[in-house]
Amino acid sequence: MKRRPKPKPKPAPPARRRGREGREQLARRAARIFALLSAEYPGAHCELDFRTPYELLVATILSAQCTDVRVNLVTPAFFARYPTPRSLAQADPAQVEDLIRSTGFFRNKTRSLIGMAQALGESHRGEVPRSMDELRTLPGVGRKTANVILGNAYGINEGVTVDTHVTRLSARLKLSRHSEPEKIERDLMALFPRADWTLLSHLLIWHGRRVCIAQRPKCELCVVNELCPSARAPRIR
């Protein structure tokens, strides 16, 4: 008796692709992320120590490729020696290098710091300017540094500070599809109200330093876990 061949199993239907998130959906998710991070970090602020716009400008230049903790260890002695732009403009580069050596790239930073101080004296009467265009003419100052100064020294929301933490979290949270800082900044500025731009940077930086770290993000502790397309583990409640 001939055995009938077993019927071939029907191929499984193709998995449905998740539809791309619409603009309105993304905006609602971004607002929820902001609210949750605000509640989690009510005291989020710039972690560089400063008392004046000049001190913040110096600290921000020093923070390139360096931690805020290290910068905060260096700046007290620096400001004791160079308390004003005028004193820094007249500084001996070798002495500046000795003071800031531990922050890395100390020769380049020394040139930027002294050049910045000289420019303040020559073009701005020794005052740190309050506009993006004027700040960006200073040696060592790009858009990111200018955003730090405007937002934290003057309370001016001109843009969003995009550092390595903001770049990483913007990608993981799918708030931007870009990798270039200025394109990420434009995406974030379009998603969040202008009044929140400076605080947004602080919230993402604080979360990036404490939970959403580069190598092993602590997804199980993350307050925005359920809103994160990149979450690797459920949140522990």
C-alpha atoms as a PDB file:
ATOM      1  CA  MET A   1       0.000   0.000   0.000  1.00  0.00           C
ATOM      2  CA  LYS A   2       1.438   3.294  -1.119  1.00  0.00           C
ATOM      3  CA  ARG A   3       1.866   5.874   1.572  1.00  0.00           C
ATOM      4  CA  ARG A   4       0.637   9.254   0.742  1.00  0.00           C
ATOM      5  CA  PRO A   5       3.368  11.881   0.966  1.00  0.00           C
ATOM      6  CA  LYS A   6       2.958  14.167   3.917  1.00  0.00           C
ATOM      7  CA  PRO A   7       1.687  17.560   2.901  1.00  0.00           C
ATOM      8  CA  LYS A   8       4.330  20.210   3.021  1.00  0.00           C
ATOM      9  CA  PRO A   9       3.796  22.664   5.869  1.00  0.00           C
ATOM     10  CA  LYS A  10       2.524  25.990   4.755  1.00  0.00           C
ATOM     11  CA  PRO A  11       5.139  28.700   5.015  1.00  0.00           C
ATOM     12  CA  ALA A  12       4.626  31.008   7.940  1.00  0.00           C
ATOM     13  CA  PRO A  13       3.220  34.381   6.978  1.00  0.00           C
ATOM     14  CA  PRO A  14       5.878  37.063   6.802  1.00  0.00           C
ATOM     15  CA  ALA A  15       6.310  38.999  10.032  1.00  0.00           C
ATOM     16  CA  ARG A  16       4.673  42.377   9.999  1.00  0.00           C
ATOM     17  CA  ARG A  17       7.067  45.200   9.934  1.00  0.00           C
ATOM     18  CA  ARG A  18       6.504  47.745  12.611  1.00  0.00           C
ATOM     19  CA  GLY A  19       5.317  50.922  11.005  1.00  0.00           C
ATOM     20  CA  ARG A  20       7.600  53.897  11.134  1.00  0.00           C
ATOM     21  CA  GLU A  21       6.798  56.204  14.016  1.00  0.00           C
ATOM     22  CA  GLY A  22       4.858  59.219  12.834  1.00  0.00           C
ATOM     23  CA  ARG A  23       5.805  62.761  13.705  1.00  0.00           C
ATOM     24  CA  GLU A  24       2.961  63.190  16.177  1.00  0.00           C
ATOM     25  CA  GLN A  25       3.715  59.852  17.862  1.00  0.00           C
ATOM     26  CA  LEU A  26       7.374  60.802  18.178  1.00  0.00           C
ATOM     27  CA  ALA A  27       6.471  64.189  19.658  1.00  0.00           C
ATOM     28  CA  ARG A  28       4.195  62.553  22.253  1.00  0.00           C
ATOM     29  CA  ARG A  29       6.861  60.003  23.161  1.00  0.00           C
ATOM     30  CA  ALA A  30       9.497  62.734  23.443  1.00  0.00           C
ATOM     31  CA  ALA A  31       7.259  64.731  25.790  1.00  0.00           C
ATOM     32  CA  ARG A  32       6.751  61.670  28.010  1.00  0.00           C
ATOM     33  CA  ILE A  33      10.495  61.002  28.069  1.00  0.00           C
ATOM     34  CA  PHE A  34      11.141  64.600  29.121  1.00  0.00           C
ATOM     35  CA  ALA A  35       8.512  64.406  31.884  1.00  0.00           C
ATOM     36  CA  LEU A  36       9.893  61.141  33.282  1.00  0.00           C
ATOM     37  CA  LEU A  37      13.503  62.314  33.248  1.00  0.00           C
ATOM     38  CA  SER A  38      12.495  65.627  34.850  1.00  0.00           C
ATOM     39  CA  ALA A  39      10.846  63.725  37.695  1.00  0.00           C
ATOM     40  CA  GLU A  40      13.854  61.410  38.036  1.00  0.00           C
ATOM     41  CA  TYR A  41      16.437  64.234  38.074  1.00  0.00           C
ATOM     42  CA  PRO A  42      14.735  67.301  39.564  1.00  0.00           C
ATOM     43  CA  GLY A  43      18.092  68.897  40.344  1.00  0.00           C
ATOM     44  CA  ALA A  44      19.727  68.364  36.950  1.00  0.00           C
ATOM     45  CA  HIS A  45      22.180  71.162  36.192  1.00  0.00           C
ATOM     46  CA  CYS A  46      25.539  71.913  34.607  1.00  0.00           C
ATOM     47  CA  GLU A  47      28.111  69.917  36.586  1.00  0.00           C
ATOM     48  CA  LEU A  48      30.993  72.263  35.852  1.00  0.00           C
ATOM     49  CA  ASP A  49      31.706  74.539  38.819  1.00  0.00           C
ATOM     50  CA  PHE A  50      31.582  78.246  37.961  1.00  0.00           C
ATOM     51  CA  ARG A  51      30.632  81.636  39.420  1.00  0.00           C
ATOM     52  CA  THR A  52      30.820  83.872  36.359  1.00  0.00           C
ATOM     53  CA  PRO A  53      30.365  83.526  32.578  1.00  0.00           C
ATOM     54  CA  TYR A  54      34.161  83.801  32.208  1.00  0.00           C
ATOM     55  CA  GLU A  55      34.704  80.892  34.604  1.00  0.00           C
ATOM     56  CA  LEU A  56      32.136  78.762  32.776  1.00  0.00           C
ATOM     57  CA  LEU A  57      33.767  79.548  29.449  1.00  0.00           C
ATOM     58  CA  VAL A  58      37.179  78.476  30.732  1.00  0.00           C
ATOM     59  CA  ALA A  59      35.757  75.318  32.319  1.00  0.00           C
ATOM     60  CA  THR A  60      33.880  74.373  29.153  1.00  0.00           C
ATOM     61  CA  ILE A  61      36.988  74.756  27.003  1.00  0.00           C
ATOM     62  CA  LEU A  62      38.882  72.572  29.480  1.00  0.00           C
ATOM     63  CA  SER A  63      36.130  69.938  29.439  1.00  0.00           C
ATOM     64  CA  ALA A  64      36.852  68.869  25.845  1.00  0.00           C
ATOM     65  CA  GLN A  65      37.884  65.187  25.973  1.00  0.00           C
ATOM     66  CA  CYS A  66      37.910  65.421  29.773  1.00  0.00           C
ATOM     67  CA  THR A  67      35.477  64.710  32.599  1.00  0.00           C
ATOM     68  CA  ASP A  68      33.720  67.468  34.508  1.00  0.00           C
ATOM     69  CA  VAL A  69      35.092  65.961  37.724  1.00  0.00           C
ATOM     70  CA  ARG A  70      38.676  66.433  36.538  1.00  0.00           C
ATOM     71  CA  VAL A  71      37.972  69.980  35.322  1.00  0.00           C
ATOM     72  CA  ASN A  72      36.475  70.884  38.703  1.00  0.00           C
ATOM     73  CA  LEU A  73      39.682  69.723  40.383  1.00  0.00           C
ATOM     74  CA  VAL A  74      41.790  71.962  38.145  1.00  0.00           C
ATOM     75  CA  THR A  75      39.795  75.196  37.985  1.00  0.00           C
ATOM     76  CA  PRO A  76      40.113  76.440  41.605  1.00  0.00           C
ATOM     77  CA  ALA A  77      43.896  76.871  41.236  1.00  0.00           C
ATOM     78  CA  PHE A  78      43.446  78.194  37.699  1.00  0.00           C
ATOM     79  CA  PHE A  79      41.016  80.926  38.745  1.00  0.00           C
ATOM     80  CA  ALA A  80      43.155  81.823  41.758  1.00  0.00           C
ATOM     81  CA  ARG A  81      45.978  82.543  39.281  1.00  0.00           C
ATOM     82  CA  TYR A  82      43.842  83.980  36.467  1.00  0.00           C
ATOM     83  CA  PRO A  83      40.654  85.453  37.966  1.00  0.00           C
ATOM     84  CA  THR A  84      39.815  87.663  34.949  1.00  0.00           C
ATOM     85  CA  PRO A  85      40.142  87.548  31.166  1.00  0.00           C
ATOM     86  CA  ARG A  86      42.745  90.315  31.387  1.00  0.00           C
ATOM     87  CA  SER A  87      45.008  88.307  33.679  1.00  0.00           C
ATOM     88  CA  LEU A  88      44.675  85.237  31.438  1.00  0.00           C
ATOM     89  CA  ALA A  89      45.382  87.273  28.288  1.00  0.00           C
ATOM     90  CA  GLN A  90      48.776  88.209  29.737  1.00  0.00           C
ATOM     91  CA  ALA A  91      49.604  84.701  30.988  1.00  0.00           C
ATOM     92  CA  ASP A  92      52.802  82.788  30.316  1.00  0.00           C
ATOM     93  CA  PRO A  93      51.691  79.766  28.223  1.00  0.00           C
ATOM     94  CA  ALA A  94      54.053  77.433  30.064  1.00  0.00           C
ATOM     95  CA  GLN A  95      52.426  78.293  33.396  1.00  0.00           C
ATOM     96  CA  VAL A  96      48.940  77.753  31.968  1.00  0.00           C
ATOM     97  CA  GLU A  97      50.035  74.392  30.574  1.00  0.00           C
ATOM     98  CA  ASP A  98      51.299  73.312  33.989  1.00  0.00           C
ATOM     99  CA  LEU A  99      47.962  74.178  35.610  1.00  0.00           C
ATOM    100  CA  ILE A 100      45.776  72.371  33.082  1.00  0.00           C
ATOM    101  CA  ARG A 101      48.054  69.476  32.078  1.00  0.00           C
ATOM    102  CA  SER A 102      45.850  66.804  33.676  1.00  0.00           C
ATOM    103  CA  THR A 103      42.848  67.750  31.501  1.00  0.00           C
ATOM    104  CA  GLY A 104      44.584  66.490  28.353  1.00  0.00           C
ATOM    105  CA  PHE A 105      45.411  68.275  25.083  1.00  0.00           C
ATOM    106  CA  PHE A 106      46.862  70.972  27.314  1.00  0.00           C
ATOM    107  CA  ARG A 107      48.887  72.754  24.615  1.00  0.00           C
ATOM    108  CA  ASN A 108      45.876  73.220  22.323  1.00  0.00           C
ATOM    109  CA  LYS A 109      43.714  74.229  25.268  1.00  0.00           C
ATOM    110  CA  THR A 110      46.322  76.739  26.422  1.00  0.00           C
ATOM    111  CA  ARG A 111      46.328  78.394  22.985  1.00  0.00           C
ATOM    112  CA  SER A 112      42.516  78.505  22.994  1.00  0.00           C
ATOM    113  CA  LEU A 113      42.292  79.901  26.534  1.00  0.00           C
ATOM    114  CA  ILE A 114      44.824  82.673  26.046  1.00  0.00           C
ATOM    115  CA  GLY A 115      43.458  83.487  22.584  1.00  0.00           C
ATOM    116  CA  MET A 116      39.925  83.595  23.962  1.00  0.00           C
ATOM    117  CA  ALA A 117      40.965  85.949  26.782  1.00  0.00           C
ATOM    118  CA  GLN A 118      42.791  88.241  24.369  1.00  0.00           C
ATOM    119  CA  ALA A 119      39.771  88.328  22.049  1.00  0.00           C
ATOM    120  CA  LEU A 120      37.495  89.233  24.960  1.00  0.00           C
ATOM    121  CA  GLY A 121      39.747  92.176  25.790  1.00  0.00           C
ATOM    122  CA  GLU A 122      40.193  93.350  22.219  1.00  0.00           C
ATOM    123  CA  SER A 123      36.614  92.997  20.935  1.00  0.00           C
ATOM    124  CA  HIS A 124      34.269  92.639  23.917  1.00  0.00           C
ATOM    125  CA  ARG A 125      35.642  94.917  26.667  1.00  0.00           C
ATOM    126  CA  GLY A 126      36.583  91.873  28.718  1.00  0.00           C
ATOM    127  CA  GLU A 127      32.986  90.602  28.832  1.00  0.00           C
ATOM    128  CA  VAL A 128      31.781  87.198  27.616  1.00  0.00           C
ATOM    129  CA  PRO A 129      29.312  87.977  24.798  1.00  0.00           C
ATOM    130  CA  ARG A 130      25.650  86.968  24.909  1.00  0.00           C
ATOM    131  CA  SER A 131      25.109  85.912  21.304  1.00  0.00           C
ATOM    132  CA  MET A 132      25.872  82.720  19.388  1.00  0.00           C
ATOM    133  CA  ASP A 133      27.589  84.547  16.531  1.00  0.00           C
ATOM    134  CA  GLU A 134      29.875  86.565  18.804  1.00  0.00           C
ATOM    135  CA  LEU A 135      30.761  83.593  20.997  1.00  0.00           C
ATOM    136  CA  ARG A 136      31.708  81.493  17.993  1.00  0.00           C
ATOM    137  CA  THR A 137      34.312  84.047  16.923  1.00  0.00           C
ATOM    138  CA  LEU A 138      36.306  83.293  20.087  1.00  0.00           C
ATOM    139  CA  PRO A 139      39.207  80.809  19.863  1.00  0.00           C
ATOM    140  CA  GLY A 140      38.227  77.364  21.175  1.00  0.00           C
ATOM    141  CA  VAL A 141      34.496  78.089  21.048  1.00  0.00           C
ATOM    142  CA  GLY A 142      32.170  76.121  18.775  1.00  0.00           C
ATOM    143  CA  ARG A 143      28.415  75.805  18.787  1.00  0.00           C
ATOM    144  CA  LYS A 144      28.368  73.287  21.642  1.00  0.00           C
ATOM    145  CA  THR A 145      30.444  75.503  23.939  1.00  0.00           C
ATOM    146  CA  ALA A 146      28.381  78.555  22.973  1.00  0.00           C
ATOM    147  CA  ASN A 147      25.173  76.714  23.878  1.00  0.00           C
ATOM    148  CA  VAL A 148      26.626  75.842  27.289  1.00  0.00           C
ATOM    149  CA  ILE A 149      27.496  79.485  27.980  1.00  0.00           C
ATOM    150  CA  LEU A 150      24.224  80.958  26.731  1.00  0.00           C
ATOM    151  CA  GLY A 151      22.007  78.419  28.478  1.00  0.00           C
ATOM    152  CA  ASN A 152      23.802  78.198  31.814  1.00  0.00           C
ATOM    153  CA  ALA A 153      25.467  81.579  32.322  1.00  0.00           C
ATOM    154  CA  TYR A 154      22.770  83.750  30.732  1.00  0.00           C
ATOM    155  CA  GLY A 155      19.598  81.641  30.681  1.00  0.00           C
ATOM    156  CA  ILE A 156      19.308  81.999  26.902  1.00  0.00           C
ATOM    157  CA  ASN A 157      17.904  78.974  25.064  1.00  0.00           C
ATOM    158  CA  GLU A 158      19.617  79.387  21.716  1.00  0.00           C
ATOM    159  CA  GLY A 159      20.058  75.663  21.071  1.00  0.00           C
ATOM    160  CA  VAL A 160      20.617  72.218  22.577  1.00  0.00           C
ATOM    161  CA  THR A 161      24.074  71.240  23.812  1.00  0.00           C
ATOM    162  CA  VAL A 162      24.963  67.997  22.024  1.00  0.00           C
ATOM    163  CA  ASP A 163      27.848  66.180  23.702  1.00  0.00           C
ATOM    164  CA  THR A 164      28.707  62.463  23.599  1.00  0.00           C
ATOM    165  CA  HIS A 165      25.941  61.578  26.088  1.00  0.00           C
ATOM    166  CA  VAL A 166      23.259  63.512  24.218  1.00  0.00           C
ATOM    167  CA  THR A 167      24.441  61.947  20.955  1.00  0.00           C
ATOM    168  CA  ARG A 168      24.254  58.420  22.407  1.00  0.00           C
ATOM    169  CA  LEU A 169      20.855  58.846  24.043  1.00  0.00           C
ATOM    170  CA  SER A 170      19.344  60.560  21.021  1.00  0.00           C
ATOM    171  CA  ALA A 171      20.269  57.482  18.988  1.00  0.00           C
ATOM    172  CA  ARG A 172      19.120  54.920  21.555  1.00  0.00           C
ATOM    173  CA  LEU A 173      15.839  56.698  22.181  1.00  0.00           C
ATOM    174  CA  LYS A 174      15.401  57.199  18.414  1.00  0.00           C
ATOM    175  CA  LEU A 175      14.936  60.946  18.855  1.00  0.00           C
ATOM    176  CA  SER A 176      17.245  61.511  15.900  1.00  0.00           C
ATOM    177  CA  ARG A 177      18.468  59.367  13.026  1.00  0.00           C
ATOM    178  CA  HIS A 178      21.599  61.462  12.544  1.00  0.00           C
ATOM    179  CA  SER A 179      25.105  61.163  13.949  1.00  0.00           C
ATOM    180  CA  GLU A 180      26.344  64.708  13.282  1.00  0.00           C
ATOM    181  CA  PRO A 181      25.915  66.975  16.347  1.00  0.00           C
ATOM    182  CA  GLU A 182      24.354  69.909  14.464  1.00  0.00           C
ATOM    183  CA  LYS A 183      21.788  67.644  12.758  1.00  0.00           C
ATOM    184  CA  ILE A 184      20.964  65.972  16.083  1.00  0.00           C
ATOM    185  CA  GLU A 185      20.559  69.426  17.612  1.00  0.00           C
ATOM    186  CA  ARG A 186      18.117  70.477  14.883  1.00  0.00           C
ATOM    187  CA  ASP A 187      16.046  67.330  15.443  1.00  0.00           C
ATOM    188  CA  LEU A 188      15.896  67.924  19.207  1.00  0.00           C
ATOM    189  CA  MET A 189      15.052  71.605  18.779  1.00  0.00           C
ATOM    190  CA  ALA A 190      12.124  70.618  16.557  1.00  0.00           C
ATOM    191  CA  LEU A 191      10.859  68.045  19.085  1.00  0.00           C
ATOM    192  CA  PHE A 192      11.048  70.002  22.339  1.00  0.00           C
ATOM    193  CA  PRO A 193       9.827  73.480  23.350  1.00  0.00           C
ATOM    194  CA  ARG A 194      12.497  76.195  23.253  1.00  0.00           C
ATOM    195  CA  ALA A 195      12.104  76.838  26.981  1.00  0.00           C
ATOM    196  CA  ASP A 196      13.257  73.246  27.669  1.00  0.00           C
ATOM    197  CA  TRP A 197      16.376  73.137  25.497  1.00  0.00           C
ATOM    198  CA  THR A 198      18.992  73.791  28.195  1.00  0.00           C
ATOM    199  CA  LEU A 199      17.311  71.499  30.720  1.00  0.00           C
ATOM    200  CA  LEU A 200      16.902  68.791  28.082  1.00  0.00           C
ATOM    201  CA  SER A 201      20.685  68.645  27.663  1.00  0.00           C
ATOM    202  CA  HIS A 202      21.182  68.312  31.416  1.00  0.00           C
ATOM    203  CA  LEU A 203      18.560  65.555  31.705  1.00  0.00           C
ATOM    204  CA  LEU A 204      20.069  63.490  28.906  1.00  0.00           C
ATOM    205  CA  ILE A 205      23.605  64.026  30.220  1.00  0.00           C
ATOM    206  CA  TRP A 206      22.641  63.068  33.789  1.00  0.00           C
ATOM    207  CA  HIS A 207      20.794  59.966  32.571  1.00  0.00           C
ATOM    208  CA  GLY A 208      23.684  59.066  30.284  1.00  0.00           C
ATOM    209  CA  ARG A 209      26.202  59.309  33.116  1.00  0.00           C
ATOM    210  CA  ARG A 210      24.132  57.421  35.665  1.00  0.00           C
ATOM    211  CA  VAL A 211      22.027  54.845  33.817  1.00  0.00           C
ATOM    212  CA  CYS A 212      22.280  54.848  30.019  1.00  0.00           C
ATOM    213  CA  ILE A 213      26.043  54.422  30.043  1.00  0.00           C
ATOM    214  CA  ALA A 214      27.992  53.680  26.891  1.00  0.00           C
ATOM    215  CA  GLN A 215      29.117  50.063  27.271  1.00  0.00           C
ATOM    216  CA  ARG A 216      26.490  48.496  29.538  1.00  0.00           C
ATOM    217  CA  PRO A 217      23.315  50.530  29.821  1.00  0.00           C
ATOM    218  CA  LYS A 218      21.337  49.740  32.978  1.00  0.00           C
ATOM    219  CA  CYS A 219      18.038  49.211  31.162  1.00  0.00           C
ATOM    220  CA  GLU A 220      16.529  47.426  34.154  1.00  0.00           C
ATOM    221  CA  LEU A 221      16.843  50.661  36.160  1.00  0.00           C
ATOM    222  CA  CYS A 222      15.767  53.058  33.412  1.00  0.00           C
ATOM    223  CA  VAL A 223      12.686  55.197  34.002  1.00  0.00           C
ATOM    224  CA  VAL A 224      12.117  55.578  30.250  1.00  0.00           C
ATOM    225  CA  ASN A 225      12.605  51.868  29.528  1.00  0.00           C
ATOM    226  CA  GLU A 226       9.113  51.378  28.098  1.00  0.00           C
ATOM    227  CA  LEU A 227       9.558  54.346  25.776  1.00  0.00           C
ATOM    228  CA  CYS A 228      12.986  53.277  24.519  1.00  0.00           C
ATOM    229  CA  PRO A 229      13.170  51.279  21.271  1.00  0.00           C
ATOM    230  CA  SER A 230      16.680  50.118  22.235  1.00  0.00           C
ATOM    231  CA  ALA A 231      15.891  48.752  25.726  1.00  0.00           C
ATOM    232  CA  ARG A 232      17.665  45.425  26.298  1.00  0.00           C
ATOM    233  CA  ALA A 233      15.893  44.330  29.469  1.00  0.00           C
ATOM    234  CA  PRO A 234      12.593  45.056  31.199  1.00  0.00           C
ATOM    235  CA  ARG A 235      12.643  47.541  34.023  1.00  0.00           C
ATOM    236  CA  ILE A 236      12.766  46.180  37.553  1.00  0.00           C
ATOM    237  CA  ARG A 237       9.804  47.595  39.430  1.00  0.00           C
END
